[in-house]
Amino acid sequence: MRRFLPFLEWIPDYNKNWFSKDLVAGLTVGIILIPQGMAYAMIAGLPPVYGLYASLLPMIAYAVFGTSRQLAVGPVAMDSLLVAAGLATLAITSVDDYIGMALLLAFTVGAIQLTLGLLRMGFLVNFLSKPVISGFTSAAALIIMFSQLKHLLGVDITRSNRFDVLLVNAFEKMPDTNLYDFAIGLVGIVIIVALKKIDKRIPGILFVVILGILVVYLLQLPAFGVHIVGEIPTGLPSFRLHSFNVDALLELAPIAVTLALIGYLEAISIGKSLEEQTGEETIDANKELIALGSSNMLGSFFQSYVVTGSFSRSAINAQAGAKTPMALFFSAIVVAITLLFLTPLFYYLPNAVLASIIMVSVFGLIDIAYPKSLWEYRKDELFVLVITFLITLFAGISEGILIGVLLSLLLMVYKSSKPHFAVLGRIEGSDYYKNIDRFSQNVLVRDDLLIVRFDSQLYFGNKNYFKKELLKNVAKKGSKLKGIILNAEAISYIDSSAAQMLKRVIEEFHDKGLQFYISGATGPTRDTIFSSGIIDALNKKCLFVQTKEAVDYFDNMTPLSILSEKVACQNHRNSN
């Protein structure tokens, strides 16, 4: 049962010392989650109460199915923006239809995550490289911040997921700015930032929420045009079946796949970073997919939109001393009490305060340090980051991710098609054979022997490059060359196309009177050498464990010891 219900791994060992820490952490996160959840629901284009609905059942589900001890799940800014961006492309005519599609989207995202988890396909998230994520996240953070100008300025700005459109729309409406809204939002930003600098443990968000409500209520600012949250429905979310429509599901599929992978990446990266701090490794990547999928699917039936791990709340959860996912149960209790009894208190909460919370929260997502480091040593990856950033900013969220992933794959393919090809020589006074370009002053190079190393798998995409580089270096040696040694330590795989190429090359060298040897081949590579027929062209006597042995054989025809020969030729064909 522990395989399917991870909470059974920590429940039997639960003790009273953990209870107090989980309680404090859960209450702390729950209090912060209430205004954050409402603010993030606004980003998604949903009524604020849906942020509270998304902070209830999904947390309980994750506590049961999740494998991280400190991860706090719920609504987050990034996924909220993706929800708004995805639904904005659909022809939705009413608020109820928009809400219905948002809940169906959460179910679809959960179904995709659950399926990927059951199929053990968590590795798919590896295709979202860090440059792509950094560029996308920074651009999305800017879009989120500028999308809140409508609440900060107190004007009706047309929604868009393109930065340039948001900017133009904001400038057009700037003369209509409500100075009261603007002042409230600006003061909120200053207070949150200031309190965070003084002491991160001070709940600046909660302080601003309370202050904002009191100021608006006491001064009756709605009479001056200040926009407030207004009436929030009281009570827990009711069960609601989705209207499963094939056309709607097909429309949601692209954004659902994006949200499923991005949400999983956020959760797994946050969980792993928390593990590094605690030194306790409990996260199972595929079980995390199942946990997130279950949270989104179950939550969607109780009016929750898409959820994932929150970096800020997870950090607070860990700092407050959370020991187990029990803390999430306490956070859910805080949200439930709020929905049952306290929603009237938020009637006078100004939208500008929620905007200030969002702006400060997502500002930290803008990553400047990483692009700077790429400028120093990885300009090709910086190119991917910048293009992803610009496409996300000016073309769209989904487009930015898609183009970024494609560029990353193209870069990977390009690099693998032209990997490092090194000519080796013996370091003076040693048996080490190293790159002659790196050790030019201390390396001994022979005219009669060429030793090369290919630092990649050998497959159809780079076999021609390998052959070209090999023949080029053979031609440089001229008529004095008598033997060639391929150091295969870095060749982890040889496909059928490359195997046929290598056989032909070896046969051509033999026809020219040149000896050919392979040294350092790993187990899987040796298997391929024997199964593909390379060994028939090469001869078993020309397969060595170390480059030194190949050189000795070339010089003196020194036979290998029985042990060395056994190791050099060991493969699946003769392992028994």
Protein backbone atom coordinates (compact mmCIF):
# COMPACT_ATOMS: atom_id res chain seq x y z
CA MET A 1 0.00 0.00 0.00
CA ARG A 2 2.91 2.38 0.63
CA ARG A 3 3.69 2.22 -3.07
CA PHE A 4 0.32 3.80 -3.87
CA LEU A 5 -0.23 5.87 -0.70
CA PRO A 6 3.07 7.57 0.25
CA PHE A 7 1.58 9.09 3.41
CA LEU A 8 1.76 5.59 4.95
CA GLU A 9 5.55 5.98 4.97
CA TRP A 10 5.53 8.83 7.51
CA ILE A 11 2.25 8.36 9.40
CA PRO A 12 3.43 5.28 11.41
CA ASP A 13 6.47 7.19 12.74
CA TYR A 14 4.62 10.45 13.43
CA ASN A 15 5.34 11.89 16.88
CA LYS A 16 4.09 14.77 19.02
CA ASN A 17 7.23 16.86 18.46
CA TRP A 18 6.41 16.97 14.76
CA PHE A 19 2.79 17.91 15.49
CA SER A 20 3.59 21.31 17.00
CA LYS A 21 5.97 22.18 14.15
CA ASP A 22 3.53 21.07 11.47
CA LEU A 23 0.76 23.03 13.19
CA VAL A 24 2.74 26.28 13.26
CA ALA A 25 3.92 25.83 9.67
CA GLY A 26 0.43 24.92 8.46
CA LEU A 27 -1.21 27.91 10.13
CA THR A 28 1.47 30.26 8.79
CA VAL A 29 1.13 29.03 5.22
CA GLY A 30 -2.67 28.99 5.47
CA ILE A 31 -2.84 32.62 6.58
CA ILE A 32 -0.56 33.72 3.72
CA LEU A 33 -2.37 31.49 1.23
CA ILE A 34 -5.72 33.23 1.66
CA PRO A 35 -4.79 36.61 0.13
CA GLN A 36 -2.33 34.98 -2.28
CA GLY A 37 -4.92 32.51 -3.51
CA MET A 38 -7.45 35.25 -4.18
CA ALA A 39 -4.80 37.33 -5.94
CA TYR A 40 -3.72 34.46 -8.18
CA ALA A 41 -7.33 33.64 -9.08
CA MET A 42 -7.57 37.19 -10.41
CA ILE A 43 -4.56 36.54 -12.66
CA ALA A 44 -6.38 33.49 -14.04
CA GLY A 45 -9.42 35.67 -14.78
CA LEU A 46 -11.51 33.93 -12.11
CA PRO A 47 -13.45 35.37 -9.14
CA PRO A 48 -11.16 35.60 -6.06
CA VAL A 49 -13.02 32.86 -4.18
CA TYR A 50 -11.75 30.26 -6.67
CA GLY A 51 -8.27 30.85 -5.33
CA LEU A 52 -9.56 29.65 -1.96
CA TYR A 53 -11.30 26.66 -3.53
CA ALA A 54 -7.98 25.74 -5.18
CA SER A 55 -6.32 25.91 -1.76
CA LEU A 56 -8.53 23.32 -0.13
CA LEU A 57 -8.99 19.80 -1.54
CA PRO A 58 -5.80 19.81 -3.71
CA MET A 59 -3.68 20.30 -0.59
CA ILE A 60 -5.37 17.40 1.17
CA ALA A 61 -4.94 15.20 -1.89
CA TYR A 62 -1.25 16.07 -2.15
CA ALA A 63 -0.73 15.34 1.56
CA VAL A 64 -1.99 11.80 0.87
CA PHE A 65 -0.27 11.13 -2.46
CA GLY A 66 2.78 13.46 -2.39
CA THR A 67 6.33 12.38 -1.58
CA SER A 68 7.85 15.75 -0.56
CA ARG A 69 7.69 16.54 3.15
CA GLN A 70 7.72 20.36 2.82
CA LEU A 71 6.21 21.15 -0.60
CA ALA A 72 3.17 23.45 -0.38
CA VAL A 73 0.77 23.09 -3.28
CA GLY A 74 -1.97 25.44 -4.40
CA PRO A 75 -2.57 28.22 -6.91
CA VAL A 76 0.56 29.94 -8.24
CA ALA A 77 1.15 33.00 -10.40
CA MET A 78 2.78 31.23 -13.35
CA ASP A 79 0.08 28.61 -13.86
CA SER A 80 -2.63 31.21 -13.28
CA LEU A 81 -1.22 33.27 -16.14
CA LEU A 82 -1.08 30.17 -18.36
CA VAL A 83 -4.73 29.46 -17.56
CA ALA A 84 -5.69 33.01 -18.55
CA ALA A 85 -3.53 32.87 -21.69
CA GLY A 86 -4.94 29.51 -22.76
CA LEU A 87 -8.58 30.33 -22.16
CA ALA A 88 -8.23 33.75 -23.80
CA THR A 89 -7.76 32.03 -27.17
CA LEU A 90 -11.13 30.26 -26.88
CA ALA A 91 -14.51 31.68 -27.86
CA ILE A 92 -16.01 31.93 -24.36
CA THR A 93 -19.02 34.21 -24.04
CA SER A 94 -20.00 34.14 -20.34
CA VAL A 95 -18.37 34.09 -16.91
CA ASP A 96 -19.97 30.73 -16.07
CA ASP A 97 -18.61 29.18 -19.26
CA TYR A 98 -15.15 30.59 -18.48
CA ILE A 99 -15.23 29.08 -15.00
CA GLY A 100 -16.45 25.76 -16.40
CA MET A 101 -13.59 25.66 -18.91
CA ALA A 102 -11.05 26.56 -16.20
CA LEU A 103 -12.26 23.64 -14.06
CA LEU A 104 -12.26 21.28 -17.05
CA LEU A 105 -8.73 22.46 -17.83
CA ALA A 106 -7.65 21.54 -14.28
CA PHE A 107 -9.14 18.06 -14.75
CA THR A 108 -7.39 17.65 -18.12
CA VAL A 109 -4.04 18.77 -16.69
CA GLY A 110 -4.47 16.33 -13.81
CA ALA A 111 -5.37 13.47 -16.16
CA ILE A 112 -2.25 14.12 -18.25
CA GLN A 113 -0.02 14.25 -15.15
CA LEU A 114 -1.59 11.10 -13.68
CA THR A 115 -1.16 9.22 -16.97
CA LEU A 116 2.47 10.30 -17.30
CA GLY A 117 3.11 9.22 -13.71
CA LEU A 118 1.52 5.79 -14.19
CA LEU A 119 3.57 5.34 -17.37
CA ARG A 120 6.71 6.45 -15.46
CA MET A 121 7.39 9.23 -17.94
CA GLY A 122 8.65 11.90 -15.56
CA PHE A 123 11.77 12.15 -17.70
CA LEU A 124 9.79 14.18 -20.29
CA VAL A 125 10.26 17.27 -18.17
CA ASN A 126 13.98 17.09 -18.99
CA PHE A 127 13.15 18.53 -22.40
CA LEU A 128 12.40 21.82 -20.65
CA SER A 129 15.99 23.01 -20.27
CA LYS A 130 17.00 25.67 -17.76
CA PRO A 131 17.59 28.39 -20.39
CA VAL A 132 14.05 27.81 -21.71
CA ILE A 133 12.55 27.88 -18.22
CA SER A 134 14.55 30.96 -17.20
CA GLY A 135 13.61 32.90 -20.33
CA PHE A 136 9.98 31.86 -20.14
CA THR A 137 9.69 32.56 -16.40
CA SER A 138 11.24 36.03 -16.61
CA ALA A 139 8.98 37.00 -19.51
CA ALA A 140 5.90 35.56 -17.81
CA ALA A 141 6.75 37.47 -14.62
CA LEU A 142 6.79 40.74 -16.58
CA ILE A 143 3.47 39.88 -18.24
CA ILE A 144 1.93 39.04 -14.85
CA MET A 145 3.17 42.29 -13.32
CA PHE A 146 1.85 44.45 -16.14
CA SER A 147 -1.44 42.54 -16.22
CA GLN A 148 -2.03 43.89 -12.71
CA LEU A 149 -1.80 47.53 -13.82
CA LYS A 150 -5.58 47.51 -14.32
CA HIS A 151 -6.00 46.96 -10.58
CA LEU A 152 -3.10 49.16 -9.57
CA LEU A 153 -4.38 52.09 -11.67
CA GLY A 154 -8.03 51.34 -11.05
CA VAL A 155 -8.92 51.37 -14.77
CA ASP A 156 -10.32 48.84 -17.21
CA ILE A 157 -7.37 47.65 -19.34
CA THR A 158 -8.02 45.08 -22.05
CA ARG A 159 -6.58 41.68 -21.08
CA SER A 160 -3.74 40.25 -23.16
CA ASN A 161 -0.92 37.74 -22.81
CA ARG A 162 1.39 39.90 -24.92
CA PHE A 163 3.61 42.41 -23.16
CA ASP A 164 3.54 45.05 -25.92
CA VAL A 165 -0.27 45.01 -26.09
CA LEU A 166 -0.53 45.32 -22.30
CA LEU A 167 1.89 48.24 -22.35
CA VAL A 168 0.02 50.10 -25.09
CA ASN A 169 -3.36 49.49 -23.43
CA ALA A 170 -2.01 50.71 -20.08
CA PHE A 171 -0.66 53.96 -21.59
CA GLU A 172 -3.98 54.61 -23.29
CA LYS A 173 -5.86 54.30 -19.98
CA MET A 174 -3.31 56.11 -17.82
CA PRO A 175 -5.17 59.48 -17.90
CA ASP A 176 -8.13 57.70 -16.26
CA THR A 177 -6.05 56.49 -13.30
CA ASN A 178 -7.86 56.39 -9.95
CA LEU A 179 -5.33 58.03 -7.63
CA TYR A 180 -6.80 56.32 -4.57
CA ASP A 181 -6.33 52.85 -6.10
CA PHE A 182 -2.84 53.81 -7.25
CA ALA A 183 -1.86 55.13 -3.82
CA ILE A 184 -3.17 52.02 -2.04
CA GLY A 185 -1.30 49.69 -4.41
CA LEU A 186 1.92 51.67 -4.28
CA VAL A 187 1.90 51.83 -0.47
CA GLY A 188 1.18 48.09 -0.39
CA ILE A 189 4.23 47.37 -2.55
CA VAL A 190 6.47 49.59 -0.41
CA ILE A 191 5.28 48.01 2.86
CA ILE A 192 5.68 44.41 1.66
CA VAL A 193 9.17 45.06 0.27
CA ALA A 194 10.25 47.01 3.36
CA LEU A 195 9.02 44.38 5.84
CA LYS A 196 10.68 41.63 3.80
CA LYS A 197 14.01 43.47 4.00
CA ILE A 198 13.64 44.07 7.74
CA ASP A 199 12.79 40.44 8.54
CA LYS A 200 11.50 37.80 6.13
CA ARG A 201 9.56 36.20 8.95
CA ILE A 202 7.24 39.22 9.24
CA PRO A 203 3.98 38.41 7.37
CA GLY A 204 4.02 41.57 5.25
CA ILE A 205 1.27 40.27 2.95
CA LEU A 206 -1.10 39.68 5.86
CA PHE A 207 -0.25 43.09 7.32
CA VAL A 208 -1.02 44.87 4.04
CA VAL A 209 -4.31 42.96 3.64
CA ILE A 210 -5.52 43.95 7.11
CA LEU A 211 -4.35 47.55 6.70
CA GLY A 212 -5.98 47.82 3.28
CA ILE A 213 -9.33 46.51 4.52
CA LEU A 214 -9.32 48.88 7.54
CA VAL A 215 -8.39 51.96 5.51
CA VAL A 216 -11.01 51.31 2.82
CA TYR A 217 -13.72 50.55 5.38
CA LEU A 218 -13.00 53.40 7.79
CA LEU A 219 -12.60 56.03 5.06
CA GLN A 220 -15.40 54.59 2.92
CA LEU A 221 -13.15 54.75 -0.14
CA PRO A 222 -15.54 52.82 -2.47
CA ALA A 223 -17.43 56.14 -2.65
CA PHE A 224 -14.30 57.57 -4.31
CA GLY A 225 -14.18 54.82 -6.94
CA VAL A 226 -11.82 52.45 -5.15
CA HIS A 227 -12.32 48.94 -6.51
CA ILE A 228 -12.85 46.25 -3.87
CA VAL A 229 -13.20 42.46 -3.91
CA GLY A 230 -16.82 42.73 -2.82
CA GLU A 231 -18.98 39.86 -1.69
CA ILE A 232 -17.27 36.48 -1.53
CA PRO A 233 -19.55 33.43 -1.37
CA THR A 234 -19.61 31.78 2.05
CA GLY A 235 -19.31 28.03 2.38
CA LEU A 236 -17.21 25.17 1.15
CA PRO A 237 -17.02 24.42 -2.58
CA SER A 238 -19.75 22.10 -3.82
CA PHE A 239 -19.26 19.02 -5.97
CA ARG A 240 -19.59 19.79 -9.67
CA LEU A 241 -19.40 17.37 -12.59
CA HIS A 242 -17.66 18.53 -15.73
CA SER A 243 -19.36 18.80 -19.05
CA PHE A 244 -17.06 16.52 -21.04
CA ASN A 245 -17.15 17.75 -24.60
CA VAL A 246 -14.73 16.31 -27.16
CA ASP A 247 -14.35 19.63 -28.98
CA ALA A 248 -13.65 21.46 -25.71
CA LEU A 249 -11.05 18.86 -24.68
CA LEU A 250 -9.29 19.15 -28.04
CA GLU A 251 -9.23 22.94 -27.68
CA LEU A 252 -7.74 22.66 -24.20
CA ALA A 253 -5.18 19.97 -25.10
CA PRO A 254 -2.23 22.23 -26.09
CA ILE A 255 -2.42 24.46 -23.02
CA ALA A 256 -3.17 21.43 -20.81
CA VAL A 257 0.01 19.65 -21.92
CA THR A 258 2.01 22.84 -21.33
CA LEU A 259 0.50 23.32 -17.87
CA ALA A 260 1.03 19.65 -16.97
CA LEU A 261 4.76 19.78 -17.76
CA ILE A 262 5.38 23.28 -16.38
CA GLY A 263 3.47 22.51 -13.19
CA TYR A 264 5.38 19.28 -12.68
CA LEU A 265 8.71 21.00 -13.35
CA GLU A 266 7.89 23.71 -10.80
CA ALA A 267 6.90 21.19 -8.14
CA ILE A 268 9.80 18.79 -8.67
CA SER A 269 12.42 21.56 -8.77
CA ILE A 270 11.05 23.17 -5.59
CA GLY A 271 10.85 19.81 -3.84
CA LYS A 272 14.42 18.90 -4.82
CA SER A 273 15.77 22.26 -3.61
CA LEU A 274 14.06 21.73 -0.25
CA GLU A 275 15.58 18.25 -0.03
CA GLU A 276 19.05 19.74 -0.51
CA GLN A 277 18.44 21.99 2.49
CA THR A 278 17.12 19.25 4.77
CA GLY A 279 19.33 16.41 3.53
CA GLU A 280 16.30 14.09 3.55
CA GLU A 281 15.59 12.49 0.18
CA THR A 282 11.99 11.29 -0.15
CA ILE A 283 10.85 12.58 -3.55
CA ASP A 284 9.92 10.06 -6.21
CA ALA A 285 9.59 11.82 -9.58
CA ASN A 286 6.87 9.57 -11.00
CA LYS A 287 4.89 9.51 -7.75
CA GLU A 288 5.00 13.31 -7.76
CA LEU A 289 3.29 13.26 -11.16
CA ILE A 290 0.62 10.98 -9.72
CA ALA A 291 0.22 13.25 -6.68
CA LEU A 292 -0.12 16.43 -8.73
CA GLY A 293 -2.44 14.69 -11.18
CA SER A 294 -4.65 13.43 -8.36
CA SER A 295 -4.69 16.88 -6.73
CA ASN A 296 -5.76 18.59 -9.94
CA MET A 297 -8.33 15.96 -10.93
CA LEU A 298 -9.99 15.65 -7.53
CA GLY A 299 -9.83 19.38 -6.92
CA SER A 300 -11.47 20.17 -10.26
CA PHE A 301 -14.67 18.41 -9.10
CA PHE A 302 -14.77 20.82 -6.14
CA GLN A 303 -14.27 24.02 -8.19
CA SER A 304 -10.48 24.17 -8.06
CA TYR A 305 -8.47 25.40 -10.99
CA VAL A 306 -4.90 24.25 -11.77
CA VAL A 307 -2.49 23.92 -8.83
CA THR A 308 1.17 23.04 -8.38
CA GLY A 309 4.01 23.64 -5.91
CA SER A 310 4.54 27.21 -4.73
CA PHE A 311 8.13 28.35 -4.23
CA SER A 312 7.32 31.13 -1.74
CA ARG A 313 4.87 29.14 0.37
CA SER A 314 7.06 26.01 0.30
CA ALA A 315 10.00 28.09 1.54
CA ILE A 316 7.84 29.54 4.32
CA ASN A 317 6.57 26.05 5.16
CA ALA A 318 10.13 24.76 5.51
CA GLN A 319 11.35 27.81 7.46
CA ALA A 320 8.40 27.48 9.85
CA GLY A 321 9.59 23.96 10.67
CA ALA A 322 7.20 21.68 8.76
CA LYS A 323 8.22 18.04 9.17
CA THR A 324 5.55 16.22 7.18
CA PRO A 325 2.66 16.91 4.76
CA MET A 326 0.44 17.07 7.86
CA ALA A 327 1.15 20.82 7.70
CA LEU A 328 -0.96 20.94 4.53
CA PHE A 329 -3.96 19.57 6.45
CA PHE A 330 -3.66 22.47 8.90
CA SER A 331 -3.37 24.96 6.03
CA ALA A 332 -6.51 23.48 4.49
CA ILE A 333 -8.32 23.86 7.83
CA VAL A 334 -7.41 27.58 7.89
CA VAL A 335 -8.82 27.99 4.36
CA ALA A 336 -11.97 26.01 5.26
CA ILE A 337 -12.62 28.16 8.36
CA THR A 338 -12.15 31.26 6.22
CA LEU A 339 -14.66 30.01 3.63
CA LEU A 340 -17.18 29.05 6.30
CA PHE A 341 -17.02 32.09 8.57
CA LEU A 342 -14.55 34.81 7.53
CA THR A 343 -15.26 35.69 3.89
CA PRO A 344 -17.37 38.76 4.87
CA LEU A 345 -14.19 40.26 6.37
CA PHE A 346 -12.67 40.46 2.89
CA TYR A 347 -15.56 42.47 1.40
CA TYR A 348 -13.60 45.74 1.63
CA LEU A 349 -10.27 44.26 0.49
CA PRO A 350 -9.07 46.58 -2.33
CA ASN A 351 -8.07 44.98 -5.62
CA ALA A 352 -5.01 47.24 -5.61
CA VAL A 353 -3.71 45.41 -2.51
CA LEU A 354 -4.04 42.06 -4.29
CA ALA A 355 -2.22 43.60 -7.26
CA SER A 356 0.61 44.74 -4.99
CA ILE A 357 0.89 41.21 -3.53
CA ILE A 358 1.12 39.71 -7.02
CA MET A 359 3.66 42.24 -8.29
CA VAL A 360 6.02 41.74 -5.37
CA SER A 361 5.60 37.95 -5.43
CA VAL A 362 6.44 37.52 -9.12
CA PHE A 363 9.21 40.11 -9.26
CA GLY A 364 11.54 37.53 -7.74
CA LEU A 365 10.90 35.26 -10.73
CA ILE A 366 12.84 37.62 -13.01
CA ASP A 367 16.27 36.00 -13.24
CA ILE A 368 19.19 38.30 -14.08
CA ALA A 369 22.09 36.30 -12.62
CA TYR A 370 21.62 33.21 -14.81
CA PRO A 371 21.75 35.05 -18.18
CA LYS A 372 24.86 36.88 -16.94
CA SER A 373 26.56 33.56 -16.19
CA LEU A 374 25.59 32.20 -19.62
CA TRP A 375 27.14 35.28 -21.24
CA GLU A 376 30.44 34.24 -19.68
CA TYR A 377 30.59 30.59 -20.74
CA ARG A 378 27.49 29.45 -22.71
CA LYS A 379 26.50 32.00 -25.36
CA ASP A 380 24.66 29.36 -27.39
CA GLU A 381 22.37 28.62 -24.44
CA LEU A 382 22.02 32.37 -23.80
CA PHE A 383 20.68 32.64 -27.36
CA VAL A 384 17.99 30.06 -26.53
CA LEU A 385 17.12 31.94 -23.33
CA VAL A 386 16.84 35.32 -25.06
CA ILE A 387 14.73 33.98 -27.94
CA THR A 388 12.41 32.18 -25.50
CA PHE A 389 12.14 35.39 -23.46
CA LEU A 390 11.31 37.56 -26.48
CA ILE A 391 8.85 35.11 -28.06
CA THR A 392 7.04 34.68 -24.74
CA LEU A 393 6.96 38.42 -24.19
CA PHE A 394 5.79 39.53 -27.62
CA ALA A 395 4.16 36.49 -29.27
CA GLY A 396 2.57 34.48 -26.47
CA ILE A 397 3.10 32.13 -23.55
CA SER A 398 2.60 28.81 -25.35
CA GLU A 399 4.56 30.01 -28.38
CA GLY A 400 7.50 30.96 -26.17
CA ILE A 401 7.69 27.54 -24.54
CA LEU A 402 7.27 25.68 -27.84
CA ILE A 403 9.94 27.69 -29.66
CA GLY A 404 12.27 27.44 -26.66
CA VAL A 405 11.96 23.64 -26.47
CA LEU A 406 12.50 23.31 -30.22
CA LEU A 407 15.59 25.52 -30.07
CA SER A 408 16.98 23.49 -27.16
CA LEU A 409 16.47 20.26 -29.08
CA LEU A 410 18.04 21.72 -32.21
CA LEU A 411 21.03 22.91 -30.18
CA MET A 412 21.38 19.47 -28.61
CA VAL A 413 21.19 17.78 -32.03
CA TYR A 414 23.71 20.23 -33.49
CA LYS A 415 26.16 19.66 -30.63
CA SER A 416 25.80 15.88 -30.83
CA SER A 417 26.38 16.01 -34.61
CA LYS A 418 29.76 17.71 -34.13
CA PRO A 419 31.13 16.49 -30.79
CA HIS A 420 34.66 16.88 -29.49
CA PHE A 421 37.24 14.96 -31.51
CA ALA A 422 40.69 14.83 -29.90
CA VAL A 423 44.09 13.59 -31.04
CA LEU A 424 45.96 12.04 -28.12
CA GLY A 425 49.62 11.79 -27.21
CA ARG A 426 51.53 10.33 -24.27
CA ILE A 427 52.40 12.67 -21.43
CA GLU A 428 56.16 12.61 -20.82
CA GLY A 429 57.18 10.30 -17.97
CA SER A 430 53.75 8.65 -17.69
CA ASP A 431 51.32 6.22 -19.30
CA TYR A 432 48.64 8.92 -19.65
CA TYR A 433 47.35 9.70 -23.13
CA LYS A 434 45.83 13.19 -23.33
CA ASN A 435 44.65 15.78 -25.87
CA ILE A 436 47.73 17.18 -27.65
CA ASP A 437 46.06 20.61 -27.93
CA ARG A 438 45.75 20.88 -24.16
CA PHE A 439 49.15 19.39 -23.25
CA SER A 440 51.21 20.52 -26.25
CA GLN A 441 54.40 21.22 -24.25
CA ASN A 442 54.60 17.91 -22.39
CA VAL A 443 53.07 15.46 -24.83
CA LEU A 444 54.92 13.01 -27.09
CA VAL A 445 53.45 12.70 -30.60
CA ARG A 446 54.50 9.91 -32.94
CA ASP A 447 54.53 10.03 -36.72
CA ASP A 448 53.81 6.30 -37.13
CA LEU A 449 50.84 6.14 -34.75
CA LEU A 450 47.59 8.12 -34.57
CA ILE A 451 45.56 7.96 -31.33
CA VAL A 452 42.14 9.63 -31.35
CA ARG A 453 39.23 9.99 -28.93
CA PHE A 454 35.60 10.69 -29.84
CA ASP A 455 33.68 12.27 -26.94
CA SER A 456 30.14 11.24 -27.78
CA GLN A 457 27.91 8.36 -28.72
CA LEU A 458 28.44 7.35 -32.34
CA TYR A 459 25.19 7.40 -34.32
CA PHE A 460 23.74 8.27 -37.72
CA GLY A 461 23.75 12.01 -36.95
CA ASN A 462 27.53 12.26 -36.40
CA LYS A 463 29.02 9.22 -38.18
CA ASN A 464 30.00 11.28 -41.23
CA TYR A 465 31.62 13.91 -38.99
CA PHE A 466 33.58 11.17 -37.20
CA LYS A 467 34.77 9.69 -40.49
CA LYS A 468 35.69 13.10 -41.90
CA GLU A 469 37.75 14.06 -38.81
CA LEU A 470 39.44 10.65 -38.67
CA LEU A 471 40.44 10.69 -42.36
CA LYS A 472 41.61 14.30 -42.06
CA ASN A 473 44.00 13.38 -39.23
CA VAL A 474 45.14 10.24 -41.05
CA ALA A 475 45.98 12.39 -44.10
CA LYS A 476 48.00 14.78 -41.90
CA LYS A 477 50.25 11.91 -40.78
CA GLY A 478 51.13 11.01 -44.35
CA SER A 479 53.07 7.94 -45.46
CA LYS A 480 54.82 7.38 -42.12
CA LEU A 481 51.57 6.36 -40.43
CA LYS A 482 51.34 2.63 -39.64
CA GLY A 483 48.63 2.33 -37.01
CA ILE A 484 45.48 3.98 -35.60
CA ILE A 485 44.06 3.60 -32.10
CA LEU A 486 40.47 4.68 -31.32
CA ASN A 487 40.07 5.47 -27.63
CA ALA A 488 36.39 4.56 -27.14
CA GLU A 489 36.05 5.43 -23.44
CA ALA A 490 33.54 8.23 -24.19
CA ILE A 491 31.54 6.30 -26.80
CA SER A 492 28.59 4.98 -24.82
CA TYR A 493 26.52 3.87 -27.80
CA ILE A 494 26.98 2.87 -31.45
CA ASP A 495 23.91 2.58 -33.65
CA SER A 496 23.62 0.33 -36.72
CA SER A 497 24.43 3.11 -39.22
CA ALA A 498 27.60 4.07 -37.36
CA ALA A 499 28.57 0.41 -36.91
CA GLN A 500 28.43 -0.16 -40.68
CA MET A 501 30.48 2.98 -41.26
CA LEU A 502 33.11 1.87 -38.73
CA LYS A 503 33.36 -1.59 -40.33
CA ARG A 504 33.96 -0.06 -43.76
CA VAL A 505 36.55 2.38 -42.42
CA ILE A 506 38.48 -0.39 -40.65
CA GLU A 507 38.44 -2.51 -43.80
CA GLU A 508 39.66 0.45 -45.89
CA PHE A 509 42.55 1.06 -43.47
CA HIS A 510 43.49 -2.62 -43.56
CA ASP A 511 43.50 -2.51 -47.36
CA LYS A 512 45.98 0.38 -47.14
CA GLY A 513 48.21 -1.59 -44.78
CA LEU A 514 47.22 0.38 -41.67
CA GLN A 515 46.56 -1.37 -38.37
CA PHE A 516 43.42 -0.35 -36.41
CA TYR A 517 42.85 -0.84 -32.68
CA ILE A 518 40.06 0.03 -30.22
CA SER A 519 40.78 0.67 -26.53
CA GLY A 520 38.71 1.49 -23.48
CA ALA A 521 35.33 0.38 -24.88
CA THR A 522 32.66 0.15 -22.17
CA GLY A 523 30.44 -2.91 -21.71
CA PRO A 524 27.50 -1.73 -23.88
CA THR A 525 29.92 -0.57 -26.59
CA ARG A 526 31.73 -3.94 -26.56
CA ASP A 527 28.36 -5.66 -26.93
CA THR A 528 27.70 -3.59 -30.06
CA ILE A 529 31.22 -4.24 -31.41
CA PHE A 530 30.55 -7.99 -31.24
CA SER A 531 26.85 -8.05 -32.20
CA SER A 532 27.17 -5.66 -35.17
CA GLY A 533 30.09 -7.47 -36.80
CA ILE A 534 32.68 -4.75 -36.12
CA ILE A 535 34.79 -7.36 -34.38
CA ASP A 536 34.99 -9.40 -37.62
CA ALA A 537 36.67 -6.48 -39.39
CA LEU A 538 38.73 -5.54 -36.33
CA ASN A 539 39.91 -8.93 -34.94
CA LYS A 540 39.70 -9.76 -31.23
CA LYS A 541 43.44 -9.22 -30.79
CA CYS A 542 42.97 -5.52 -31.62
CA LEU A 543 40.53 -4.82 -28.76
CA PHE A 544 42.16 -3.47 -25.56
CA VAL A 545 41.19 -2.24 -22.11
CA GLN A 546 43.78 0.56 -22.00
CA THR A 547 45.38 2.73 -24.65
CA LYS A 548 48.82 1.81 -23.23
CA GLU A 549 48.16 -1.89 -24.00
CA ALA A 550 47.20 -1.03 -27.58
CA VAL A 551 50.42 1.00 -28.01
CA ASP A 552 52.54 -1.85 -26.57
CA TYR A 553 50.90 -4.32 -28.94
CA PHE A 554 51.52 -2.01 -31.91
CA ASP A 555 55.18 -1.59 -30.96
CA ASN A 556 56.13 -5.08 -29.85
CA MET A 557 53.17 -7.34 -30.65
CA THR A 558 53.03 -7.94 -26.90
CA PRO A 559 50.11 -10.31 -26.28
CA LEU A 560 47.58 -9.40 -23.59
CA SER A 561 47.49 -11.29 -20.31
CA ILE A 562 44.65 -13.79 -19.97
CA LEU A 563 42.84 -11.42 -17.57
CA SER A 564 43.28 -8.37 -19.82
CA GLU A 565 42.07 -10.30 -22.87
CA LYS A 566 39.04 -11.56 -20.94
CA VAL A 567 38.11 -8.04 -19.82
CA ALA A 568 38.75 -6.48 -23.23
CA CYS A 569 36.54 -9.00 -25.04
CA GLN A 570 33.85 -9.49 -22.41
CA ASN A 571 30.37 -9.03 -23.92
CA HIS A 572 26.87 -10.49 -23.71
CA ARG A 573 27.68 -13.03 -26.40
CA ASN A 574 30.42 -14.69 -24.32
CA SER A 575 29.46 -13.60 -20.77
CA ASN A 576 28.12 -17.02 -19.97
